[in-house]
PDB file of N, CA and C in Angstrom:
ATOM      1  N   MET A   1     173.499 173.101 105.457  1.00  0.00           N
ATOM      2  CA  MET A   1     172.171 172.621 105.182  1.00  0.00           C
ATOM      3  C   MET A   1     171.204 173.350 106.117  1.00  0.00           C
ATOM      4  N   PRO A   2     170.073 173.889 105.588  1.00  0.00           N
ATOM      5  CA  PRO A   2     169.116 174.601 106.421  1.00  0.00           C
ATOM      6  C   PRO A   2     168.345 173.637 107.329  1.00  0.00           C
ATOM      7  N   ARG A   3     167.965 174.150 108.465  1.00  0.00           N
ATOM      8  CA  ARG A   3     167.240 173.362 109.447  1.00  0.00           C
ATOM      9  C   ARG A   3     165.750 173.309 109.104  1.00  0.00           C
ATOM     10  N   SER A   4     165.118 172.146 109.285  1.00  0.00           N
ATOM     11  CA  SER A   4     163.693 171.984 109.027  1.00  0.00           C
ATOM     12  C   SER A   4     162.919 172.276 110.304  1.00  0.00           C
ATOM     13  N   ASN A   5     161.855 173.061 110.212  1.00  0.00           N
ATOM     14  CA  ASN A   5     161.046 173.390 111.381  1.00  0.00           C
ATOM     15  C   ASN A   5     159.816 172.487 111.519  1.00  0.00           C
ATOM     16  N   ARG A   6     159.721 171.480 110.693  1.00  0.00           N
ATOM     17  CA  ARG A   6     158.576 170.578 110.765  1.00  0.00           C
ATOM     18  C   ARG A   6     158.801 169.520 111.846  1.00  0.00           C
ATOM     19  N   PRO A   7     157.737 169.170 112.563  1.00  0.00           N
ATOM     20  CA  PRO A   7     157.903 168.123 113.573  1.00  0.00           C
ATOM     21  C   PRO A   7     158.166 166.773 112.900  1.00  0.00           C
ATOM     22  N   ARG A   8     158.885 165.915 113.590  1.00  0.00           N
ATOM     23  CA  ARG A   8     159.236 164.620 113.026  1.00  0.00           C
ATOM     24  C   ARG A   8     158.390 163.488 113.611  1.00  0.00           C
ATOM     25  N   ARG A   9     157.307 163.839 114.262  1.00  0.00           N
ATOM     26  CA  ARG A   9     156.417 162.831 114.821  1.00  0.00           C
ATOM     27  C   ARG A   9     155.518 162.248 113.737  1.00  0.00           C
ATOM     28  N   ARG A  10     155.066 161.008 113.962  1.00  0.00           N
ATOM     29  CA  ARG A  10     154.115 160.410 113.034  1.00  0.00           C
ATOM     30  C   ARG A  10     152.754 161.052 113.238  1.00  0.00           C
ATOM     31  N   PRO A  11     151.919 161.117 112.212  1.00  0.00           N
ATOM     32  CA  PRO A  11     150.579 161.699 112.384  1.00  0.00           C
ATOM     33  C   PRO A  11     149.751 160.847 113.337  1.00  0.00           C
ATOM     34  N   ALA A  12     148.924 161.520 114.113  1.00  0.00           N
ATOM     35  CA  ALA A  12     148.092 160.839 115.107  1.00  0.00           C
ATOM     36  C   ALA A  12     146.999 160.031 114.412  1.00  0.00           C
ATOM     37  N   VAL A  13     146.710 158.844 114.943  1.00  0.00           N
ATOM     38  CA  VAL A  13     145.654 157.994 114.429  1.00  0.00           C
ATOM     39  C   VAL A  13     144.440 158.173 115.330  1.00  0.00           C
ATOM     40  N   PRO A  14     143.247 158.423 114.756  1.00  0.00           N
ATOM     41  CA  PRO A  14     142.053 158.594 115.587  1.00  0.00           C
ATOM     42  C   PRO A  14     141.775 157.352 116.438  1.00  0.00           C
ATOM     43  N   ARG A  15     141.105 157.560 117.574  1.00  0.00           N
ATOM     44  CA  ARG A  15     140.829 156.456 118.497  1.00  0.00           C
ATOM     45  C   ARG A  15     140.050 155.326 117.844  1.00  0.00           C
ATOM     46  N   SER A  16     139.056 155.650 117.044  1.00  0.00           N
ATOM     47  CA  SER A  16     138.249 154.601 116.423  1.00  0.00           C
ATOM     48  C   SER A  16     139.093 153.752 115.477  1.00  0.00           C
ATOM     49  N   ALA A  17     140.037 154.362 114.788  1.00  0.00           N
ATOM     50  CA  ALA A  17     140.910 153.612 113.899  1.00  0.00           C
ATOM     51  C   ALA A  17     141.846 152.713 114.699  1.00  0.00           C
ATOM     52  N   LYS A  18     142.304 153.198 115.876  1.00  0.00           N
ATOM     53  CA  LYS A  18     143.149 152.366 116.733  1.00  0.00           C
ATOM     54  C   LYS A  18     142.390 151.140 117.202  1.00  0.00           C
ATOM     55  N   ALA A  19     141.134 151.318 117.583  1.00  0.00           N
ATOM     56  CA  ALA A  19     140.327 150.189 118.045  1.00  0.00           C
ATOM     57  C   ALA A  19     140.083 149.198 116.916  1.00  0.00           C
ATOM     58  N   ALA A  20     139.859 149.718 115.708  1.00  0.00           N
ATOM     59  CA  ALA A  20     139.641 148.831 114.566  1.00  0.00           C
ATOM     60  C   ALA A  20     140.904 148.034 114.255  1.00  0.00           C
ATOM     61  N   GLU A  21     142.059 148.681 114.344  1.00  0.00           N
ATOM     62  CA  GLU A  21     143.314 147.971 114.102  1.00  0.00           C
ATOM     63  C   GLU A  21     143.542 146.898 115.157  1.00  0.00           C
ATOM     64  N   ALA A  22     143.211 147.192 116.398  1.00  0.00           N
ATOM     65  CA  ALA A  22     143.395 146.219 117.476  1.00  0.00           C
ATOM     66  C   ALA A  22     142.507 145.000 117.255  1.00  0.00           C
ATOM     67  N   SER A  23     141.268 145.204 116.799  1.00  0.00           N
ATOM     68  CA  SER A  23     140.382 144.064 116.567  1.00  0.00           C
ATOM     69  C   SER A  23     140.844 143.257 115.367  1.00  0.00           C
ATOM     70  N   ARG A  24     141.438 143.909 114.354  1.00  0.00           N
ATOM     71  CA  ARG A  24     141.962 143.178 113.206  1.00  0.00           C
ATOM     72  C   ARG A  24     143.177 142.352 113.594  1.00  0.00           C
ATOM     73  N   GLU A  25     143.995 142.871 114.513  1.00  0.00           N
ATOM     74  CA  GLU A  25     145.181 142.143 114.946  1.00  0.00           C
ATOM     75  C   GLU A  25     144.801 140.877 115.696  1.00  0.00           C
ATOM     76  N   ASP A  26     143.675 140.897 116.407  1.00  0.00           N
ATOM     77  CA  ASP A  26     143.234 139.716 117.129  1.00  0.00           C
ATOM     78  C   ASP A  26     142.679 138.653 116.192  1.00  0.00           C
ATOM     79  N   GLY A  27     142.373 139.021 114.951  1.00  0.00           N
ATOM     80  CA  GLY A  27     141.832 138.069 113.988  1.00  0.00           C
ATOM     81  C   GLY A  27     140.318 137.966 114.040  1.00  0.00           C
ATOM     82  N   ASP A  28     139.645 138.836 114.756  1.00  0.00           N
ATOM     83  CA  ASP A  28     138.190 138.791 114.841  1.00  0.00           C
ATOM     84  C   ASP A  28     137.590 139.636 113.727  1.00  0.00           C
ATOM     85  N   ASP A  29     136.794 138.995 112.869  1.00  0.00           N
ATOM     86  CA  ASP A  29     136.078 139.733 111.836  1.00  0.00           C
ATOM     87  C   ASP A  29     134.763 140.262 112.372  1.00  0.00           C
ATOM     88  N   PHE A  30     134.180 139.549 113.327  1.00  0.00           N
ATOM     89  CA  PHE A  30     132.885 139.911 113.884  1.00  0.00           C
ATOM     90  C   PHE A  30     133.099 140.548 115.250  1.00  0.00           C
ATOM     91  N   ASP A  31     132.622 141.762 115.413  1.00  0.00           N
ATOM     92  CA  ASP A  31     132.802 142.488 116.668  1.00  0.00           C
ATOM     93  C   ASP A  31     131.434 142.826 117.253  1.00  0.00           C
ATOM     94  N   PRO A  32     130.936 142.046 118.232  1.00  0.00           N
ATOM     95  CA  PRO A  32     129.616 142.332 118.792  1.00  0.00           C
ATOM     96  C   PRO A  32     129.536 143.679 119.490  1.00  0.00           C
ATOM     97  N   GLU A  33     130.645 144.189 120.005  1.00  0.00           N
ATOM     98  CA  GLU A  33     130.625 145.493 120.673  1.00  0.00           C
ATOM     99  C   GLU A  33     130.278 146.605 119.686  1.00  0.00           C
ATOM    100  N   ARG A  34     130.750 146.489 118.443  1.00  0.00           N
ATOM    101  CA  ARG A  34     130.439 147.495 117.437  1.00  0.00           C
ATOM    102  C   ARG A  34     128.953 147.452 117.095  1.00  0.00           C
ATOM    103  N   VAL A  35     128.396 146.243 117.038  1.00  0.00           N
ATOM    104  CA  VAL A  35     126.975 146.093 116.723  1.00  0.00           C
ATOM    105  C   VAL A  35     126.112 146.636 117.846  1.00  0.00           C
ATOM    106  N   LEU A  36     126.517 146.387 119.079  1.00  0.00           N
ATOM    107  CA  LEU A  36     125.717 146.783 120.226  1.00  0.00           C
ATOM    108  C   LEU A  36     125.978 148.216 120.673  1.00  0.00           C
ATOM    109  N   ALA A  37     126.788 148.964 119.922  1.00  0.00           N
ATOM    110  CA  ALA A  37     127.041 150.360 120.277  1.00  0.00           C
ATOM    111  C   ALA A  37     125.726 151.118 120.235  1.00  0.00           C
ATOM    112  N   GLY A  38     125.467 151.886 121.226  1.00  0.00           N
ATOM    113  CA  GLY A  38     124.187 152.566 121.323  1.00  0.00           C
ATOM    114  C   GLY A  38     123.289 151.782 122.257  1.00  0.00           C
ATOM    115  N   PHE A  39     122.063 152.235 122.412  1.00  0.00           N
ATOM    116  CA  PHE A  39     121.146 151.592 123.333  1.00  0.00           C
ATOM    117  C   PHE A  39     120.129 150.770 122.556  1.00  0.00           C
ATOM    118  N   ALA A  40     120.092 149.491 122.835  1.00  0.00           N
ATOM    119  CA  ALA A  40     119.119 148.608 122.208  1.00  0.00           C
ATOM    120  C   ALA A  40     118.044 148.293 123.231  1.00  0.00           C
ATOM    121  N   ARG A  41     116.804 148.589 122.886  1.00  0.00           N
ATOM    122  CA  ARG A  41     115.708 148.295 123.794  1.00  0.00           C
ATOM    123  C   ARG A  41     115.128 146.919 123.465  1.00  0.00           C
ATOM    124  N   LEU A  42     114.508 146.303 124.435  1.00  0.00           N
ATOM    125  CA  LEU A  42     113.902 144.992 124.253  1.00  0.00           C
ATOM    126  C   LEU A  42     112.424 145.168 123.975  1.00  0.00           C
ATOM    127  N   GLU A  43     111.946 144.576 122.880  1.00  0.00           N
ATOM    128  CA  GLU A  43     110.528 144.606 122.539  1.00  0.00           C
ATOM    129  C   GLU A  43     110.011 143.184 122.480  1.00  0.00           C
ATOM    130  N   SER A  44     108.920 142.935 123.172  1.00  0.00           N
ATOM    131  CA  SER A  44     108.272 141.627 123.124  1.00  0.00           C
ATOM    132  C   SER A  44     107.063 141.720 122.213  1.00  0.00           C
ATOM    133  N   ALA A  45     106.920 140.726 121.341  1.00  0.00           N
ATOM    134  CA  ALA A  45     105.814 140.685 120.395  1.00  0.00           C
ATOM    135  C   ALA A  45     105.368 139.228 120.259  1.00  0.00           C
ATOM    136  N   PRO A  46     104.226 138.988 119.618  1.00  0.00           N
ATOM    137  CA  PRO A  46     103.790 137.604 119.436  1.00  0.00           C
ATOM    138  C   PRO A  46     104.784 136.751 118.647  1.00  0.00           C
ATOM    139  N   ASP A  47     105.621 137.371 117.848  1.00  0.00           N
ATOM    140  CA  ASP A  47     106.591 136.607 117.056  1.00  0.00           C
ATOM    141  C   ASP A  47     107.951 136.497 117.748  1.00  0.00           C
ATOM    142  N   GLY A  48     108.055 136.864 119.015  1.00  0.00           N
ATOM    143  CA  GLY A  48     109.295 136.678 119.761  1.00  0.00           C
ATOM    144  C   GLY A  48     109.760 137.955 120.440  1.00  0.00           C
ATOM    145  N   ASP A  49     110.927 137.862 121.067  1.00  0.00           N
ATOM    146  CA  ASP A  49     111.563 139.020 121.711  1.00  0.00           C
ATOM    147  C   ASP A  49     112.608 139.585 120.762  1.00  0.00           C
ATOM    148  N   TRP A  50     112.616 140.899 120.637  1.00  0.00           N
ATOM    149  CA  TRP A  50     113.497 141.566 119.677  1.00  0.00           C
ATOM    150  C   TRP A  50     114.288 142.665 120.366  1.00  0.00           C
ATOM    151  N   ARG A  51     115.541 142.816 119.983  1.00  0.00           N
ATOM    152  CA  ARG A  51     116.358 143.955 120.383  1.00  0.00           C
ATOM    153  C   ARG A  51     116.276 144.961 119.253  1.00  0.00           C
ATOM    154  N   VAL A  52     115.959 146.203 119.588  1.00  0.00           N
ATOM    155  CA  VAL A  52     115.759 147.252 118.589  1.00  0.00           C
ATOM    156  C   VAL A  52     116.674 148.420 118.924  1.00  0.00           C
ATOM    157  N   ARG A  53     117.469 148.837 117.950  1.00  0.00           N
ATOM    158  CA  ARG A  53     118.385 149.964 118.134  1.00  0.00           C
ATOM    159  C   ARG A  53     118.113 151.007 117.057  1.00  0.00           C
ATOM    160  N   GLN A  54     118.013 152.254 117.455  1.00  0.00           N
ATOM    161  CA  GLN A  54     117.771 153.374 116.540  1.00  0.00           C
ATOM    162  C   GLN A  54     119.079 153.785 115.880  1.00  0.00           C
ATOM    163  N   VAL A  55     119.063 153.946 114.562  1.00  0.00           N
ATOM    164  CA  VAL A  55     120.203 154.478 113.822  1.00  0.00           C
ATOM    165  C   VAL A  55     119.838 155.895 113.399  1.00  0.00           C
ATOM    166  N   THR A  56     120.641 156.856 113.805  1.00  0.00           N
ATOM    167  CA  THR A  56     120.348 158.257 113.488  1.00  0.00           C
ATOM    168  C   THR A  56     120.759 158.575 112.056  1.00  0.00           C
ATOM    169  N   THR A  57     120.306 159.722 111.574  1.00  0.00           N
ATOM    170  CA  THR A  57     120.659 160.128 110.217  1.00  0.00           C
ATOM    171  C   THR A  57     122.165 160.308 110.067  1.00  0.00           C
ATOM    172  N   ARG A  58     122.807 160.735 111.119  1.00  0.00           N
ATOM    173  CA  ARG A  58     124.256 160.947 111.081  1.00  0.00           C
ATOM    174  C   ARG A  58     125.015 159.626 110.947  1.00  0.00           C
ATOM    175  N   ASN A  59     124.499 158.564 111.586  1.00  0.00           N
ATOM    176  CA  ASN A  59     125.180 157.268 111.568  1.00  0.00           C
ATOM    177  C   ASN A  59     124.744 156.358 110.434  1.00  0.00           C
ATOM    178  N   ALA A  60     123.719 156.734 109.690  1.00  0.00           N
ATOM    179  CA  ALA A  60     123.250 155.916 108.572  1.00  0.00           C
ATOM    180  C   ALA A  60     124.125 156.203 107.357  1.00  0.00           C
ATOM    181  N   ALA A  61     125.112 155.337 107.142  1.00  0.00           N
ATOM    182  CA  ALA A  61     126.095 155.607 106.099  1.00  0.00           C
ATOM    183  C   ALA A  61     125.993 154.663 104.908  1.00  0.00           C
ATOM    184  N   LYS A  62     125.257 153.578 105.030  1.00  0.00           N
ATOM    185  CA  LYS A  62     125.168 152.598 103.953  1.00  0.00           C
ATOM    186  C   LYS A  62     123.731 152.434 103.486  1.00  0.00           C
ATOM    187  N   GLU A  63     123.567 151.774 102.364  1.00  0.00           N
ATOM    188  CA  GLU A  63     122.241 151.500 101.829  1.00  0.00           C
ATOM    189  C   GLU A  63     121.829 150.090 102.234  1.00  0.00           C
ATOM    190  N   TYR A  64     120.600 149.936 102.732  1.00  0.00           N
ATOM    191  CA  TYR A  64     120.076 148.648 103.160  1.00  0.00           C
ATOM    192  C   TYR A  64     118.724 148.409 102.509  1.00  0.00           C
ATOM    193  N   THR A  65     118.271 147.161 102.506  1.00  0.00           N
ATOM    194  CA  THR A  65     116.951 146.817 102.011  1.00  0.00           C
ATOM    195  C   THR A  65     116.066 146.461 103.194  1.00  0.00           C
ATOM    196  N   CYS A  66     114.952 147.133 103.320  1.00  0.00           N
ATOM    197  CA  CYS A  66     114.017 146.904 104.419  1.00  0.00           C
ATOM    198  C   CYS A  66     113.244 145.613 104.152  1.00  0.00           C
ATOM    199  N   PRO A  67     113.224 144.660 105.114  1.00  0.00           N
ATOM    200  CA  PRO A  67     112.465 143.430 104.894  1.00  0.00           C
ATOM    201  C   PRO A  67     110.949 143.629 104.959  1.00  0.00           C
ATOM    202  N   GLY A  68     110.490 144.744 105.480  1.00  0.00           N
ATOM    203  CA  GLY A  68     109.059 145.000 105.582  1.00  0.00           C
ATOM    204  C   GLY A  68     108.431 145.412 104.268  1.00  0.00           C
ATOM    205  N   CYS A  69     109.117 146.260 103.507  1.00  0.00           N
ATOM    206  CA  CYS A  69     108.552 146.767 102.257  1.00  0.00           C
ATOM    207  C   CYS A  69     109.416 146.443 101.040  1.00  0.00           C
ATOM    208  N   SER A  70     110.566 145.849 101.251  1.00  0.00           N
ATOM    209  CA  SER A  70     111.514 145.474 100.190  1.00  0.00           C
ATOM    210  C   SER A  70     112.039 146.677  99.415  1.00  0.00           C
ATOM    211  N   ARG A  71     111.988 147.837 100.005  1.00  0.00           N
ATOM    212  CA  ARG A  71     112.564 149.034  99.387  1.00  0.00           C
ATOM    213  C   ARG A  71     113.884 149.357 100.066  1.00  0.00           C
ATOM    214  N   THR A  72     114.694 150.164  99.408  1.00  0.00           N
ATOM    215  CA  THR A  72     115.998 150.490  99.974  1.00  0.00           C
ATOM    216  C   THR A  72     115.873 151.598 101.009  1.00  0.00           C
ATOM    217  N   ILE A  73     116.767 151.532 101.979  1.00  0.00           N
ATOM    218  CA  ILE A  73     116.925 152.599 102.964  1.00  0.00           C
ATOM    219  C   ILE A  73     118.204 153.321 102.555  1.00  0.00           C
ATOM    220  N   PRO A  74     118.091 154.508 101.965  1.00  0.00           N
ATOM    221  CA  PRO A  74     119.294 155.186 101.481  1.00  0.00           C
ATOM    222  C   PRO A  74     120.145 155.734 102.626  1.00  0.00           C
ATOM    223  N   PRO A  75     121.402 156.013 102.361  1.00  0.00           N
ATOM    224  CA  PRO A  75     122.256 156.625 103.392  1.00  0.00           C
ATOM    225  C   PRO A  75     121.677 157.967 103.836  1.00  0.00           C
ATOM    226  N   GLY A  76     121.788 158.248 105.126  1.00  0.00           N
ATOM    227  CA  GLY A  76     121.302 159.512 105.664  1.00  0.00           C
ATOM    228  C   GLY A  76     119.864 159.478 106.128  1.00  0.00           C
ATOM    229  N   VAL A  77     119.221 158.299 106.118  1.00  0.00           N
ATOM    230  CA  VAL A  77     117.838 158.171 106.569  1.00  0.00           C
ATOM    231  C   VAL A  77     117.835 157.393 107.880  1.00  0.00           C
ATOM    232  N   ALA A  78     117.199 157.963 108.908  1.00  0.00           N
ATOM    233  CA  ALA A  78     117.109 157.287 110.202  1.00  0.00           C
ATOM    234  C   ALA A  78     116.267 156.021 110.057  1.00  0.00           C
ATOM    235  N   HIS A  79     116.695 154.952 110.721  1.00  0.00           N
ATOM    236  CA  HIS A  79     115.981 153.683 110.656  1.00  0.00           C
ATOM    237  C   HIS A  79     116.291 152.853 111.902  1.00  0.00           C
ATOM    238  N   LEU A  80     115.833 151.604 111.936  1.00  0.00           N
ATOM    239  CA  LEU A  80     116.036 150.728 113.079  1.00  0.00           C
ATOM    240  C   LEU A  80     116.859 149.513 112.678  1.00  0.00           C
ATOM    241  N   VAL A  81     117.679 149.040 113.612  1.00  0.00           N
ATOM    242  CA  VAL A  81     118.373 147.766 113.451  1.00  0.00           C
ATOM    243  C   VAL A  81     117.727 146.813 114.438  1.00  0.00           C
ATOM    244  N   VAL A  82     117.285 145.663 113.941  1.00  0.00           N
ATOM    245  CA  VAL A  82     116.513 144.726 114.748  1.00  0.00           C
ATOM    246  C   VAL A  82     117.144 143.344 114.671  1.00  0.00           C
ATOM    247  N   TRP A  83     117.276 142.671 115.837  1.00  0.00           N
ATOM    248  CA  TRP A  83     117.739 141.287 115.844  1.00  0.00           C
ATOM    249  C   TRP A  83     117.008 140.524 116.934  1.00  0.00           C
ATOM    250  N   ALA A  84     116.957 139.202 116.795  1.00  0.00           N
ATOM    251  CA  ALA A  84     116.232 138.343 117.722  1.00  0.00           C
ATOM    252  C   ALA A  84     116.996 138.225 119.029  1.00  0.00           C
ATOM    253  N   ASP A  85     116.286 138.462 120.134  1.00  0.00           N
ATOM    254  CA  ASP A  85     116.907 138.329 121.446  1.00  0.00           C
ATOM    255  C   ASP A  85     116.879 136.882 121.922  1.00  0.00           C
ATOM    256  N   ASP A  86     115.882 136.139 121.465  1.00  0.00           N
ATOM    257  CA  ASP A  86     115.728 134.751 121.888  1.00  0.00           C
ATOM    258  C   ASP A  86     116.042 133.788 120.735  1.00  0.00           C
ATOM    259  N   HIS A  87     117.151 134.036 120.044  1.00  0.00           N
ATOM    260  CA  HIS A  87     117.526 133.209 118.899  1.00  0.00           C
ATOM    261  C   HIS A  87     117.869 131.798 119.364  1.00  0.00           C
ATOM    262  N   LEU A  88     117.531 130.814 118.563  1.00  0.00           N
ATOM    263  CA  LEU A  88     117.741 129.417 118.905  1.00  0.00           C
ATOM    264  C   LEU A  88     119.216 129.090 119.140  1.00  0.00           C
ATOM    265  N   PHE A  89     120.104 129.726 118.380  1.00  0.00           N
ATOM    266  CA  PHE A  89     121.532 129.424 118.464  1.00  0.00           C
ATOM    267  C   PHE A  89     122.321 130.429 119.287  1.00  0.00           C
ATOM    268  N   GLY A  90     121.656 131.263 120.048  1.00  0.00           N
ATOM    269  CA  GLY A  90     122.324 132.171 120.963  1.00  0.00           C
ATOM    270  C   GLY A  90     122.364 133.604 120.494  1.00  0.00           C
ATOM    271  N   GLU A  91     122.945 134.439 121.336  1.00  0.00           N
ATOM    272  CA  GLU A  91     122.985 135.881 121.092  1.00  0.00           C
ATOM    273  C   GLU A  91     123.807 136.246 119.863  1.00  0.00           C
ATOM    274  N   ALA A  92     124.955 135.597 119.684  1.00  0.00           N
ATOM    275  CA  ALA A  92     125.817 135.925 118.535  1.00  0.00           C
ATOM    276  C   ALA A  92     125.119 135.627 117.213  1.00  0.00           C
ATOM    277  N   ALA A  93     124.355 134.542 117.154  1.00  0.00           N
ATOM    278  CA  ALA A  93     123.619 134.204 115.929  1.00  0.00           C
ATOM    279  C   ALA A  93     122.505 135.220 115.675  1.00  0.00           C
ATOM    280  N   GLY A  94     121.858 135.675 116.732  1.00  0.00           N
ATOM    281  CA  GLY A  94     120.817 136.692 116.574  1.00  0.00           C
ATOM    282  C   GLY A  94     121.387 137.992 116.044  1.00  0.00           C
ATOM    283  N   ILE A  95     122.551 138.380 116.554  1.00  0.00           N
ATOM    284  CA  ILE A  95     123.197 139.614 116.085  1.00  0.00           C
ATOM    285  C   ILE A  95     123.647 139.465 114.641  1.00  0.00           C
ATOM    286  N   ALA A  96     124.135 138.282 114.292  1.00  0.00           N
ATOM    287  CA  ALA A  96     124.596 138.060 112.915  1.00  0.00           C
ATOM    288  C   ALA A  96     123.445 138.133 111.914  1.00  0.00           C
ATOM    289  N   GLU A  97     122.223 137.833 112.353  1.00  0.00           N
ATOM    290  CA  GLU A  97     121.064 137.870 111.459  1.00  0.00           C
ATOM    291  C   GLU A  97     120.241 139.143 111.623  1.00  0.00           C
ATOM    292  N   ARG A  98     120.856 140.217 112.053  1.00  0.00           N
ATOM    293  CA  ARG A  98     120.132 141.470 112.254  1.00  0.00           C
ATOM    294  C   ARG A  98     119.683 142.050 110.917  1.00  0.00           C
ATOM    295  N   ARG A  99     118.613 142.834 110.974  1.00  0.00           N
ATOM    296  CA  ARG A  99     118.064 143.454 109.772  1.00  0.00           C
ATOM    297  C   ARG A  99     117.797 144.924 110.035  1.00  0.00           C
ATOM    298  N   HIS A 100     117.870 145.712 108.972  1.00  0.00           N
ATOM    299  CA  HIS A 100     117.610 147.158 109.032  1.00  0.00           C
ATOM    300  C   HIS A 100     116.198 147.401 108.491  1.00  0.00           C
ATOM    301  N   TRP A 101     115.362 148.046 109.302  1.00  0.00           N
ATOM    302  CA  TRP A 101     113.961 148.304 108.975  1.00  0.00           C
ATOM    303  C   TRP A 101     113.697 149.802 108.953  1.00  0.00           C
ATOM    304  N   HIS A 102     112.772 150.228 108.076  1.00  0.00           N
ATOM    305  CA  HIS A 102     112.201 151.565 108.213  1.00  0.00           C
ATOM    306  C   HIS A 102     111.439 151.579 109.536  1.00  0.00           C
ATOM    307  N   THR A 103     111.404 152.693 110.208  1.00  0.00           N
ATOM    308  CA  THR A 103     110.707 152.793 111.489  1.00  0.00           C
ATOM    309  C   THR A 103     109.219 152.485 111.319  1.00  0.00           C
ATOM    310  N   HIS A 104     108.609 153.028 110.276  1.00  0.00           N
ATOM    311  CA  HIS A 104     107.183 152.794 110.023  1.00  0.00           C
ATOM    312  C   HIS A 104     106.914 151.320 109.705  1.00  0.00           C
ATOM    313  N   CYS A 105     107.765 150.707 108.910  1.00  0.00           N
ATOM    314  CA  CYS A 105     107.574 149.294 108.549  1.00  0.00           C
ATOM    315  C   CYS A 105     107.670 148.399 109.779  1.00  0.00           C
ATOM    316  N   TRP A 106     108.584 148.719 110.699  1.00  0.00           N
ATOM    317  CA  TRP A 106     108.715 147.908 111.914  1.00  0.00           C
ATOM    318  C   TRP A 106     107.476 148.037 112.801  1.00  0.00           C
ATOM    319  N   ARG A 107     106.959 149.246 112.931  1.00  0.00           N
ATOM    320  CA  ARG A 107     105.787 149.464 113.798  1.00  0.00           C
ATOM    321  C   ARG A 107     104.524 148.837 113.233  1.00  0.00           C
ATOM    322  N   THR A 108     104.401 148.769 111.917  1.00  0.00           N
ATOM    323  CA  THR A 108     103.167 148.276 111.293  1.00  0.00           C
ATOM    324  C   THR A 108     103.316 146.874 110.725  1.00  0.00           C
ATOM    325  N   ARG A 109     104.345 146.137 111.102  1.00  0.00           N
ATOM    326  CA  ARG A 109     104.550 144.798 110.548  1.00  0.00           C
ATOM    327  C   ARG A 109     103.444 143.860 111.026  1.00  0.00           C
ATOM    328  N   THR A 110     103.204 142.809 110.261  1.00  0.00           N
ATOM    329  CA  THR A 110     102.236 141.795 110.665  1.00  0.00           C
ATOM    330  C   THR A 110     102.993 140.709 111.424  1.00  0.00           C
ATOM    331  N   PHE A 111     102.391 140.208 112.464  1.00  0.00           N
ATOM    332  CA  PHE A 111     103.015 139.185 113.294  1.00  0.00           C
ATOM    333  C   PHE A 111     102.679 137.800 112.756  1.00  0.00           C
ATOM    334  N   ARG A 112     103.664 136.959 112.760  1.00  0.00           N
ATOM    335  CA  ARG A 112     103.437 135.565 112.359  1.00  0.00           C
ATOM    336  C   ARG A 112     103.240 134.759 113.634  1.00  0.00           C
ATOM    337  N   TYR A 113     102.046 134.274 113.817  1.00  0.00           N
ATOM    338  CA  TYR A 113     101.762 133.495 115.024  1.00  0.00           C
ATOM    339  C   TYR A 113     102.278 132.086 114.825  1.00  0.00           C
ATOM    340  N   ARG A 114     102.924 131.585 115.871  1.00  0.00           N
ATOM    341  CA  ARG A 114     103.512 130.243 115.790  1.00  0.00           C
ATOM    342  C   ARG A 114     102.513 129.174 116.136  1.00  0.00           C
TER     343      ARG A 114
END
């Protein structure tokens, strides 16, 4: 029988896939570390304190609906992810209710005074 020159090792799994598998094994569907990846700046406005994170064109992979103009944000378009920093039910609830905004819509939004 001829000898095989192919390696018998399993194919390598990328690091991000390993981390995703580890979080699935723990039973956590919600991963705040994935949401907070990148730098989120704090913005104070009359309608509250907001955490704002920039999504680059490279990382924009899904289609979202902007709450400012009700139009879609197609994949490949840079935009902002915004969530309440001072949410009534805590940080996890604020992250769970995050929204994707066009950059222009976020800057020109009207404030709701309480």
